[in-house]
Protein backbone atom coordinates (compact mmCIF):
# COMPACT_ATOMS: atom_id res chain seq x y z
CA MET A 1 0.00 0.00 0.00
CA SER A 2 1.42 3.39 -0.97
CA LYS A 3 1.90 5.87 1.84
CA GLN A 4 0.08 9.17 2.08
CA THR A 5 1.91 12.04 0.42
CA VAL A 6 1.90 15.56 1.87
CA PRO A 7 1.74 18.08 -0.99
CA LEU A 8 2.34 21.82 -1.23
CA TRP A 9 -0.42 24.40 -0.76
CA VAL A 10 -0.25 27.18 -3.36
CA ASN A 11 -2.93 29.71 -4.29
CA GLY A 12 -5.63 28.10 -2.19
CA GLN A 13 -5.23 24.47 -3.24
CA THR A 14 -2.96 21.47 -2.93
CA ASP A 15 -0.17 21.55 -5.46
CA ALA A 16 2.49 19.11 -6.62
CA ALA A 17 6.16 19.97 -6.24
CA THR A 18 8.08 20.12 -9.49
CA SER A 19 11.36 19.08 -7.86
CA GLY A 20 10.59 15.37 -8.07
CA ARG A 21 12.16 15.04 -4.61
CA MET A 22 10.42 13.43 -1.66
CA GLY A 23 11.20 13.22 2.04
CA ASP A 24 10.25 10.50 4.46
CA VAL A 25 8.13 11.49 7.47
CA TYR A 26 8.78 9.24 10.45
CA ASP A 27 6.86 8.28 13.56
CA PRO A 28 9.67 8.75 16.11
CA SER A 29 7.87 6.41 18.52
CA SER A 30 8.41 3.43 16.22
CA GLY A 31 10.98 4.57 13.67
CA ALA A 32 8.54 3.71 10.87
CA VAL A 33 7.93 5.87 7.81
CA ILE A 34 4.29 6.93 8.07
CA ARG A 35 4.01 9.27 5.08
CA GLN A 36 6.08 11.15 2.55
CA VAL A 37 6.34 14.85 1.85
CA GLN A 38 7.00 16.60 -1.42
CA LEU A 39 10.01 18.89 -1.17
CA ALA A 40 9.58 22.26 -2.85
CA SER A 41 12.10 23.41 -5.43
CA ALA A 42 13.19 27.00 -5.92
CA GLY A 43 10.68 27.16 -8.76
CA ASP A 44 7.89 25.95 -6.48
CA VAL A 45 8.74 28.64 -3.94
CA ASP A 46 8.73 31.21 -6.74
CA ARG A 47 5.20 30.12 -7.70
CA ALA A 48 4.06 30.42 -4.08
CA VAL A 49 5.56 33.89 -3.75
CA ALA A 50 3.92 34.90 -7.04
CA ALA A 51 0.55 33.71 -5.71
CA ALA A 52 1.09 35.69 -2.50
CA LYS A 53 2.10 38.77 -4.47
CA ALA A 54 -0.97 38.53 -6.70
CA ALA A 55 -3.26 38.19 -3.66
CA LEU A 56 -1.66 41.11 -1.81
CA PRO A 57 -3.56 44.08 -3.30
CA GLY A 58 -6.98 42.58 -2.62
CA TRP A 59 -6.09 41.40 0.88
CA LYS A 60 -4.42 44.69 1.79
CA ALA A 61 -7.59 46.50 0.68
CA THR A 62 -9.76 44.24 2.85
CA THR A 63 -10.70 46.19 5.94
CA PRO A 64 -9.19 45.12 9.26
CA LEU A 65 -12.68 44.36 10.54
CA ARG A 66 -13.35 41.91 7.71
CA ARG A 67 -9.92 40.33 8.21
CA SER A 68 -10.80 39.96 11.89
CA ARG A 69 -14.01 38.12 11.08
CA ILE A 70 -12.13 35.58 8.94
CA LEU A 71 -9.59 35.09 11.72
CA THR A 72 -12.39 34.54 14.21
CA ARG A 73 -13.91 31.84 12.01
CA PHE A 74 -10.43 30.31 11.64
CA ARG A 75 -10.07 30.22 15.42
CA GLU A 76 -13.42 28.46 15.73
CA LEU A 77 -12.37 25.83 13.17
CA MET A 78 -9.04 25.35 14.94
CA GLU A 79 -10.92 24.72 18.18
CA GLN A 80 -13.14 22.17 16.45
CA HIS A 81 -10.13 20.36 14.94
CA ARG A 82 -7.64 20.75 17.77
CA HIS A 83 -7.63 17.04 18.64
CA GLU A 84 -6.97 16.16 15.00
CA LEU A 85 -4.07 18.63 14.87
CA ALA A 86 -2.67 17.39 18.17
CA GLN A 87 -2.79 13.82 16.87
CA LEU A 88 -0.86 14.81 13.74
CA ALA A 89 1.72 16.65 15.85
CA SER A 90 2.10 13.67 18.17
CA GLU A 91 2.51 11.26 15.25
CA GLU A 92 5.20 13.24 13.46
CA HIS A 93 7.07 14.74 16.42
CA GLY A 94 6.66 11.96 18.97
CA LYS A 95 5.47 14.14 21.86
CA THR A 96 2.59 12.90 23.95
CA PHE A 97 -0.93 13.71 22.81
CA ALA A 98 -1.62 15.76 25.95
CA ASP A 99 1.50 17.83 25.40
CA ALA A 100 0.64 18.34 21.73
CA LEU A 101 -2.90 19.40 22.65
CA GLY A 102 -1.56 22.02 25.05
CA SER A 103 0.71 23.47 22.37
CA VAL A 104 -2.19 23.63 19.90
CA GLN A 105 -4.16 25.64 22.45
CA ARG A 106 -1.29 28.08 22.95
CA GLY A 107 -1.19 28.60 19.18
CA ILE A 108 -4.94 29.24 19.05
CA GLU A 109 -4.43 32.00 21.60
CA VAL A 110 -2.30 33.87 19.04
CA ILE A 111 -5.22 33.73 16.59
CA GLU A 112 -7.41 35.20 19.34
CA PHE A 113 -4.92 38.02 19.80
CA ALA A 114 -4.66 38.65 16.05
CA SER A 115 -8.45 38.80 15.78
CA GLY A 116 -8.28 42.10 17.62
CA VAL A 117 -6.49 43.66 14.66
CA PRO A 118 -8.92 46.59 14.19
CA HIS A 119 -7.74 47.84 17.57
CA LEU A 120 -4.12 46.73 17.17
CA LEU A 121 -3.65 48.72 13.96
CA LYS A 122 -4.86 52.01 15.39
CA GLY A 123 -2.14 54.60 14.99
CA GLU A 124 -1.49 57.74 16.98
CA HIS A 125 -2.99 61.19 16.41
CA ALA A 126 -1.98 64.60 17.62
CA GLU A 127 -4.02 67.71 16.89
CA ASP A 128 -2.44 71.12 16.46
CA VAL A 129 1.18 70.10 16.53
CA GLY A 130 1.55 73.52 14.92
CA ARG A 131 -0.76 76.30 13.85
CA GLY A 132 -3.47 74.51 11.85
CA VAL A 133 -1.29 71.39 11.57
CA ASP A 134 -2.27 67.86 12.65
CA CYS A 135 -0.16 64.70 12.64
CA HIS A 136 -1.14 61.05 12.66
CA SER A 137 0.51 57.69 12.06
CA LEU A 138 -0.54 54.67 10.00
CA LEU A 139 0.47 51.02 10.40
CA GLN A 140 0.53 49.49 6.92
CA PRO A 141 1.45 45.98 5.75
CA VAL A 142 4.98 45.06 4.66
CA GLY A 143 3.86 42.91 1.70
CA VAL A 144 4.72 39.26 1.08
CA CYS A 145 6.09 37.74 4.31
CA ALA A 146 7.60 34.30 4.90
CA GLY A 147 8.14 32.00 7.84
CA VAL A 148 10.55 29.10 8.38
CA THR A 149 9.50 26.93 11.31
CA PRO A 150 11.11 24.08 13.31
CA PHE A 151 10.08 20.51 13.99
CA ASN A 152 9.32 20.78 17.69
CA PHE A 153 6.03 22.75 17.57
CA PRO A 154 4.35 22.05 14.22
CA VAL A 155 1.19 23.98 15.16
CA MET A 156 2.17 26.57 17.74
CA VAL A 157 5.23 28.15 16.11
CA PRO A 158 3.64 28.69 12.66
CA LEU A 159 0.74 30.29 14.53
CA TRP A 160 3.16 32.75 16.11
CA MET A 161 3.72 34.05 12.61
CA PHE A 162 1.09 33.82 9.90
CA PRO A 163 -2.09 34.87 11.79
CA VAL A 164 -0.43 38.11 12.92
CA ALA A 165 1.09 38.80 9.51
CA ILE A 166 -2.17 38.10 7.69
CA ALA A 167 -4.23 40.09 10.19
CA CYS A 168 -2.01 43.09 9.43
CA GLY A 169 -2.83 42.86 5.71
CA ASN A 170 0.19 40.89 4.47
CA THR A 171 0.22 37.67 2.49
CA PHE A 172 2.37 34.75 3.64
CA VAL A 173 4.52 31.83 2.48
CA LEU A 174 5.18 29.23 5.19
CA LYS A 175 8.09 26.77 4.96
CA PRO A 176 7.45 24.20 7.71
CA SER A 177 9.98 21.59 8.75
CA GLU A 178 9.90 18.68 6.36
CA LYS A 179 9.97 16.39 9.42
CA VAL A 180 6.49 17.57 10.53
CA PRO A 181 4.66 18.92 7.46
CA SER A 182 1.07 17.74 7.93
CA CYS A 183 -0.18 20.28 10.50
CA SER A 184 0.73 23.26 8.32
CA LEU A 185 -1.16 21.88 5.34
CA ARG A 186 -4.21 21.15 7.49
CA MET A 187 -4.20 24.65 8.97
CA ALA A 188 -4.07 26.14 5.46
CA GLU A 189 -7.13 24.07 4.52
CA LEU A 190 -8.99 25.27 7.62
CA PHE A 191 -8.05 28.90 6.98
CA LYS A 192 -9.48 28.67 3.46
CA GLN A 193 -12.62 27.10 4.89
CA ALA A 194 -12.86 30.15 7.19
CA GLY A 195 -12.99 32.40 4.12
CA LEU A 196 -9.35 33.33 3.53
CA PRO A 197 -8.88 34.30 -0.14
CA ASP A 198 -6.67 32.13 -2.32
CA GLY A 199 -3.00 33.04 -2.32
CA VAL A 200 -3.00 34.81 1.04
CA LEU A 201 -1.44 31.77 2.76
CA ASN A 202 0.83 29.31 0.95
CA VAL A 203 2.71 26.29 2.36
CA VAL A 204 5.93 24.95 0.80
CA PRO A 205 7.55 22.09 2.76
CA GLY A 206 11.17 21.76 1.78
CA ASP A 207 14.80 21.94 2.76
CA LYS A 208 17.64 24.43 2.29
CA GLU A 209 16.80 25.00 -1.38
CA ALA A 210 13.37 26.33 -0.42
CA VAL A 211 14.75 28.41 2.44
CA ASP A 212 17.44 30.02 0.32
CA MET A 213 14.89 30.94 -2.33
CA LEU A 214 12.80 32.76 0.28
CA LEU A 215 15.86 34.54 1.68
CA ASN A 216 16.90 35.77 -1.74
CA HIS A 217 13.54 36.34 -3.41
CA PRO A 218 13.07 40.02 -4.33
CA ASP A 219 9.31 39.92 -3.68
CA VAL A 220 9.60 38.71 -0.06
CA GLY A 221 9.70 41.65 2.35
CA ALA A 222 10.06 39.96 5.75
CA ILE A 223 11.31 36.64 7.13
CA SER A 224 10.43 35.03 10.47
CA PHE A 225 12.43 32.06 11.77
CA VAL A 226 12.65 29.80 14.81
CA GLY A 227 15.44 27.25 15.12
CA SER A 228 19.07 26.79 16.11
CA THR A 229 21.44 29.70 16.58
CA PRO A 230 23.78 28.89 13.65
CA VAL A 231 20.83 28.75 11.24
CA ALA A 232 19.20 31.82 12.81
CA LYS A 233 22.42 33.77 12.25
CA TYR A 234 22.57 32.57 8.63
CA ILE A 235 18.93 33.50 8.06
CA TYR A 236 19.48 36.95 9.54
CA GLN A 237 22.65 37.73 7.64
CA THR A 238 21.36 36.50 4.29
CA ALA A 239 17.92 38.07 4.46
CA ALA A 240 19.14 41.36 5.93
CA ALA A 241 21.77 41.61 3.19
CA ASN A 242 18.87 41.38 0.74
CA GLY A 243 17.06 44.27 2.42
CA LYS A 244 14.44 42.21 4.24
CA ARG A 245 13.07 42.57 7.72
CA VAL A 246 14.17 39.63 9.88
CA GLN A 247 13.16 38.15 13.21
CA ALA A 248 15.24 35.01 13.73
CA LEU A 249 14.89 33.23 17.07
CA GLY A 250 17.85 30.99 17.86
CA GLY A 251 18.92 28.49 20.48
CA ALA A 252 18.84 28.52 24.26
CA LYS A 253 20.49 27.36 27.43
CA ASN A 254 17.82 28.19 29.96
CA HIS A 255 18.91 28.36 33.60
CA ALA A 256 16.73 28.05 36.68
CA VAL A 257 18.16 29.46 39.89
CA VAL A 258 17.00 27.76 43.08
CA LEU A 259 17.59 29.69 46.31
CA PRO A 260 17.78 28.03 49.74
CA ASP A 261 14.41 29.51 50.75
CA ALA A 262 12.53 27.97 47.78
CA ASP A 263 9.64 25.54 48.30
CA VAL A 264 11.59 22.44 47.25
CA ASP A 265 8.62 20.18 46.46
CA PHE A 266 6.99 22.87 44.30
CA THR A 267 10.30 23.64 42.62
CA VAL A 268 11.10 20.02 41.83
CA ASP A 269 7.70 19.44 40.24
CA ALA A 270 8.15 22.56 38.13
CA LEU A 271 11.67 21.64 37.03
CA ILE A 272 10.74 18.07 36.10
CA GLY A 273 8.04 19.33 33.76
CA ALA A 274 10.28 22.01 32.29
CA ALA A 275 13.24 19.70 31.72
CA TYR A 276 11.58 16.53 30.47
CA GLY A 277 8.31 17.67 28.91
CA SER A 278 8.34 17.12 25.15
CA ALA A 279 11.57 15.12 25.73
CA GLY A 280 13.37 18.41 26.32
CA GLU A 281 12.81 19.49 22.71
CA ARG A 282 11.60 22.97 23.61
CA CYS A 283 13.44 26.25 23.17
CA MET A 284 12.02 27.19 26.57
CA ALA A 285 13.00 23.95 28.33
CA ILE A 286 14.91 24.39 31.55
CA SER A 287 18.08 22.40 30.91
CA THR A 288 20.30 23.93 33.59
CA VAL A 289 19.66 24.26 37.31
CA VAL A 290 21.85 26.56 39.38
CA ALA A 291 21.51 25.43 43.00
CA VAL A 292 22.51 28.12 45.49
CA GLY A 293 24.00 27.06 48.81
CA GLU A 294 22.73 24.25 50.97
CA VAL A 295 19.65 23.47 48.85
CA ALA A 296 21.71 21.48 46.32
CA ASP A 297 21.86 18.03 47.94
CA THR A 298 18.15 17.92 48.75
CA LEU A 299 17.23 19.29 45.34
CA VAL A 300 19.28 16.74 43.40
CA ALA A 301 17.95 13.81 45.45
CA ARG A 302 14.32 14.82 44.89
CA LEU A 303 14.88 15.55 41.19
CA ALA A 304 16.31 12.06 40.84
CA ASP A 305 13.32 10.45 42.56
CA LYS A 306 10.86 12.31 40.33
CA ALA A 307 12.81 11.70 37.12
CA LYS A 308 12.99 7.96 37.78
CA ALA A 309 9.18 7.86 38.01
CA ILE A 310 8.64 9.35 34.54
CA LYS A 311 7.01 6.82 32.20
CA VAL A 312 8.63 6.89 28.77
CA GLY A 313 6.66 5.47 25.87
CA ALA A 314 5.08 6.09 22.52
CA GLY A 315 3.59 9.52 22.10
CA SER A 316 0.27 7.92 21.19
CA ALA A 317 0.09 5.95 24.45
CA ARG A 318 -2.11 7.84 26.90
CA GLU A 319 -0.10 6.51 29.86
CA SER A 320 3.19 7.98 28.55
CA ASP A 321 4.64 10.98 30.36
CA MET A 322 7.40 11.49 27.80
CA GLY A 323 7.88 10.32 24.23
CA PRO A 324 10.90 9.86 21.96
CA VAL A 325 13.14 12.49 20.39
CA ILE A 326 12.66 13.48 16.76
CA SER A 327 15.16 11.27 14.91
CA ALA A 328 17.91 8.67 15.17
CA PRO A 329 20.68 11.21 14.41
CA HIS A 330 19.35 13.55 17.08
CA ARG A 331 19.17 10.69 19.59
CA ASP A 332 22.78 9.78 18.79
CA ARG A 333 23.89 13.40 19.28
CA ILE A 334 22.22 13.54 22.70
CA VAL A 335 23.85 10.26 23.73
CA ALA A 336 27.25 11.55 22.59
CA LEU A 337 26.82 14.63 24.75
CA ILE A 338 25.89 12.47 27.75
CA ASP A 339 29.06 10.46 27.07
CA SER A 340 31.06 13.69 27.08
CA GLY A 341 29.59 14.72 30.42
CA VAL A 342 30.75 11.46 31.98
CA ALA A 343 34.19 11.73 30.37
CA GLN A 344 34.63 15.33 31.55
CA GLY A 345 33.89 14.51 35.18
CA ALA A 346 30.24 15.34 35.84
CA ARG A 347 28.36 12.99 38.17
CA LEU A 348 25.75 11.04 36.19
CA VAL A 349 22.86 10.61 38.62
CA ILE A 350 20.38 9.08 36.14
CA ASP A 351 21.45 7.57 32.82
CA GLY A 352 18.90 7.54 29.98
CA ARG A 353 21.20 6.31 27.22
CA ARG A 354 19.92 2.74 27.01
CA MET A 355 16.21 3.43 27.09
CA LYS A 356 14.09 0.84 25.26
CA VAL A 357 10.31 0.75 25.01
CA ALA A 358 8.68 -2.66 24.64
CA GLY A 359 6.88 -2.98 21.33
CA HIS A 360 8.61 0.14 19.99
CA GLU A 361 12.19 -1.06 19.77
CA GLY A 362 12.77 0.98 16.60
CA GLY A 363 11.82 4.26 18.28
CA TYR A 364 14.22 7.10 19.07
CA TYR A 365 14.19 7.05 22.84
CA VAL A 366 16.44 8.70 25.39
CA GLY A 367 15.36 8.36 28.99
CA PRO A 368 15.38 11.16 31.56
CA THR A 369 19.00 11.95 32.34
CA LEU A 370 20.31 13.95 35.31
CA PHE A 371 23.81 15.29 35.95
CA ASP A 372 25.21 16.85 39.12
CA GLN A 373 28.53 18.60 39.78
CA VAL A 374 28.62 20.15 36.32
CA THR A 375 31.00 23.02 35.53
CA THR A 376 30.73 25.75 32.90
CA GLU A 377 33.69 24.33 30.94
CA MET A 378 31.90 21.06 30.15
CA ASP A 379 30.26 20.40 26.78
CA ILE A 380 26.95 19.53 28.44
CA TYR A 381 26.86 23.09 29.78
CA ARG A 382 28.14 24.90 26.71
CA GLU A 383 26.02 23.06 24.11
CA GLU A 384 22.26 23.26 23.62
CA ILE A 385 21.42 19.56 24.05
CA PHE A 386 17.74 19.81 23.09
CA GLY A 387 16.89 16.53 24.77
CA PRO A 388 15.80 15.09 28.13
CA VAL A 389 19.03 15.99 29.94
CA LEU A 390 19.00 18.18 33.07
CA ILE A 391 22.28 19.42 34.54
CA VAL A 392 22.90 20.89 37.99
CA LEU A 393 25.61 23.40 38.82
CA ARG A 394 26.36 24.53 42.38
CA VAL A 395 27.21 28.05 43.54
CA ASP A 396 27.34 29.79 46.90
CA THR A 397 25.45 33.01 46.20
CA LEU A 398 22.78 34.61 44.04
CA ASP A 399 25.47 36.97 42.71
CA GLU A 400 27.42 34.00 41.35
CA ALA A 401 24.28 32.52 39.79
CA MET A 402 23.35 35.74 38.01
CA ALA A 403 26.89 36.30 36.80
CA MET A 404 26.93 32.80 35.31
CA ILE A 405 23.67 33.39 33.44
CA ASN A 406 24.75 36.81 32.19
CA ARG A 407 28.04 35.38 30.89
CA ASN A 408 26.25 32.68 28.93
CA PRO A 409 25.99 33.51 25.20
CA TYR A 410 22.30 32.59 25.13
CA GLY A 411 19.56 34.75 26.61
CA ASN A 412 16.24 33.09 25.81
CA GLY A 413 14.52 32.18 29.07
CA THR A 414 15.36 31.86 32.75
CA ALA A 415 13.63 31.37 36.09
CA ILE A 416 14.20 31.86 39.79
CA PHE A 417 12.61 29.89 42.62
CA THR A 418 12.45 31.76 45.90
CA ARG A 419 10.13 33.11 48.59
CA SER A 420 12.04 36.41 48.64
CA GLY A 421 10.37 39.23 46.78
CA ALA A 422 13.56 41.29 47.05
CA ALA A 423 15.65 38.56 45.43
CA ALA A 424 13.08 38.02 42.69
CA ARG A 425 12.83 41.73 41.94
CA ARG A 426 16.59 42.07 41.72
CA PHE A 427 16.80 39.00 39.48
CA GLU A 428 14.18 40.24 37.00
CA ASN A 429 15.88 43.62 36.74
CA GLU A 430 19.51 42.55 36.45
CA ILE A 431 19.33 39.32 34.48
CA GLU A 432 20.21 39.68 30.77
CA VAL A 433 17.56 37.34 29.37
CA GLY A 434 14.46 38.05 27.29
CA MET A 435 11.88 35.98 29.21
CA VAL A 436 11.95 35.58 32.99
CA GLY A 437 9.93 33.35 35.29
CA ILE A 438 9.42 34.00 38.99
CA ASN A 439 8.53 30.61 40.46
CA ALA A 440 7.44 29.77 36.91
CA SER A 441 9.70 27.30 35.16
CA ILE A 442 8.59 27.81 31.54
CA PRO A 443 7.98 31.56 31.27
CA VAL A 444 6.35 31.50 27.84
CA PRO A 445 4.39 34.76 27.65
CA MET A 446 0.74 34.83 26.66
CA ALA A 447 -0.05 35.82 23.09
CA PHE A 448 -0.65 39.48 23.97
CA PHE A 449 2.96 39.78 25.22
CA SER A 450 6.01 39.25 23.03
CA PHE A 451 8.04 36.04 22.76
CA GLY A 452 11.78 36.21 22.21
CA GLY A 453 15.20 36.19 23.78
CA TRP A 454 18.35 38.29 23.90
CA LYS A 455 21.97 37.81 22.84
CA ALA A 456 22.56 34.72 20.66
CA SER A 457 18.91 33.69 21.08
CA LEU A 458 17.64 36.46 18.80
CA PHE A 459 18.85 37.96 15.54
CA GLY A 460 16.79 41.01 14.67
CA ASP A 461 15.13 43.73 16.67
CA LEU A 462 11.56 42.57 17.31
CA HIS A 463 10.11 39.54 19.05
CA MET A 464 7.15 37.41 17.96
CA HIS A 465 3.43 37.95 18.60
CA GLY A 466 2.14 40.59 20.95
CA MET A 467 2.53 44.19 19.80
CA GLU A 468 6.12 43.53 18.71
CA GLY A 469 4.72 41.04 16.20
CA VAL A 470 2.30 43.68 14.92
CA TYR A 471 5.13 46.19 14.55
CA PHE A 472 7.30 43.63 12.74
CA TYR A 473 4.60 42.92 10.15
CA THR A 474 3.74 46.58 9.57
CA ARG A 475 5.53 49.71 8.42
CA THR A 476 4.83 52.98 10.18
CA LYS A 477 3.91 56.00 8.11
CA ALA A 478 3.68 59.46 9.67
CA VAL A 479 1.27 61.93 8.03
CA THR A 480 1.44 65.68 8.67
CA SER A 481 -1.58 67.56 7.33
CA ARG A 482 -2.47 71.19 6.91
CA TRP A 483 -5.61 72.72 5.43
CA PRO A 484 -4.99 76.44 4.92
CA SER A 485 -8.09 78.60 5.18
CA GLU A 486 -6.76 81.99 6.25
CA PRO A 487 -6.04 84.41 3.38
CA GLY A 488 -2.36 85.11 2.96
CA LEU A 489 -1.16 82.16 5.10
CA SER A 490 2.32 81.18 3.95
CA GLY A 491 2.79 77.70 2.50
CA GLY A 492 6.45 77.50 3.40
CA SER A 493 9.93 78.95 3.02
CA LEU A 494 13.48 77.92 2.35
CA VAL A 495 14.32 77.53 6.04
CA MET A 496 13.71 74.47 8.20
CA PRO A 497 10.02 74.54 9.13
CA THR A 498 9.05 74.85 12.77
CA MET A 499 5.54 74.41 14.00
């Protein structure tokens, strides 16, 4: 029996790639190929951009209120199909169904935010900035925008991008990860069902050939990206050199500081979820714990007890707490980093390298892994592991903990666990990280706030969703108006005008 093939979506309908190239889509829980995806060529991307460009004038002219109504219908359809989308995400990524369902809901919240676009696009107005002179600002669309999204959140991350861009009057070309293509195609179908005109949203699964075409295409005005830091830097440099707007979110090494006064049971529960949820394949996963003072021994012992109780299994199994990682090469990379931690002298408290799941022996499993006595020179500290590996470093003071975090090249997310309001307030003000949690281990902001890091975790000036997302997908125009009615009023002179 031939396997299902995931096509492209161009100009409001499924479309066949002209490249002749196909990619296998795996179920990481079993290692089996469950479908294939057509990989877009540069020519296919060009057709998608042309469709988006052709749809732009009509969509830009559609009033924000009418755009909002279509987005509202899209949100309703997403709610109706959220279990279907979560199932697709679980199949292709390997995360548990419950985890996938939660990420779908967080994506839907961005559609809810974008549905308020009539209010979000209101500019500023000032009357009588000078004698008989008024000034106001307009937020107008950029044009054709594009997004390149990762494998770990096949619904949520695309929804950080295209609903906001489309709400602002742009058209969009989405290049999802070829490892998890099905959710993007399904969302495009639902958006059309909601009334979105053809060509406004296009989906082109592919690899580097498709990405490079978007980065270099003269008709693409803005690029959004989420992925690793080396690729984010490449995306930023290439697209910016071509005169495009860029928001490229990179990697992370998210630290959680635990002070001696923290509620240890609460903290351990929070850290276990943050470290091992989605098998650690989250840009906001807490991968590094900085234990301050005498809390360290108790903290490590309780983390170990909780981690040992995690049930690893197929993402589709309702009893599973944690599923596999995305691929065999990624599993092997994680195992190699665990090996390096042992070789470099860290204490391996729990070893997940030999994890096997009965009935799913071909799956890509790494069990919960915990290291203690880690130092900042070790590879397991310096590298973004992106797997179910939690490391613990020990320091004597909050000053040392903050200095360690601020020295780290990444600045995506961080957290502090404490009962001290003074310590928490100091931490949030002095830490050089874009997203901060106070007794909250995964400080992912709600859709009406921005998402993004600092330092090597972000290339570009503006974060995703929230008002920063609106500003990224719009260009500001300032209008100064004067309506002379007094006889003899001067229209200007050769000197710099003052109001």
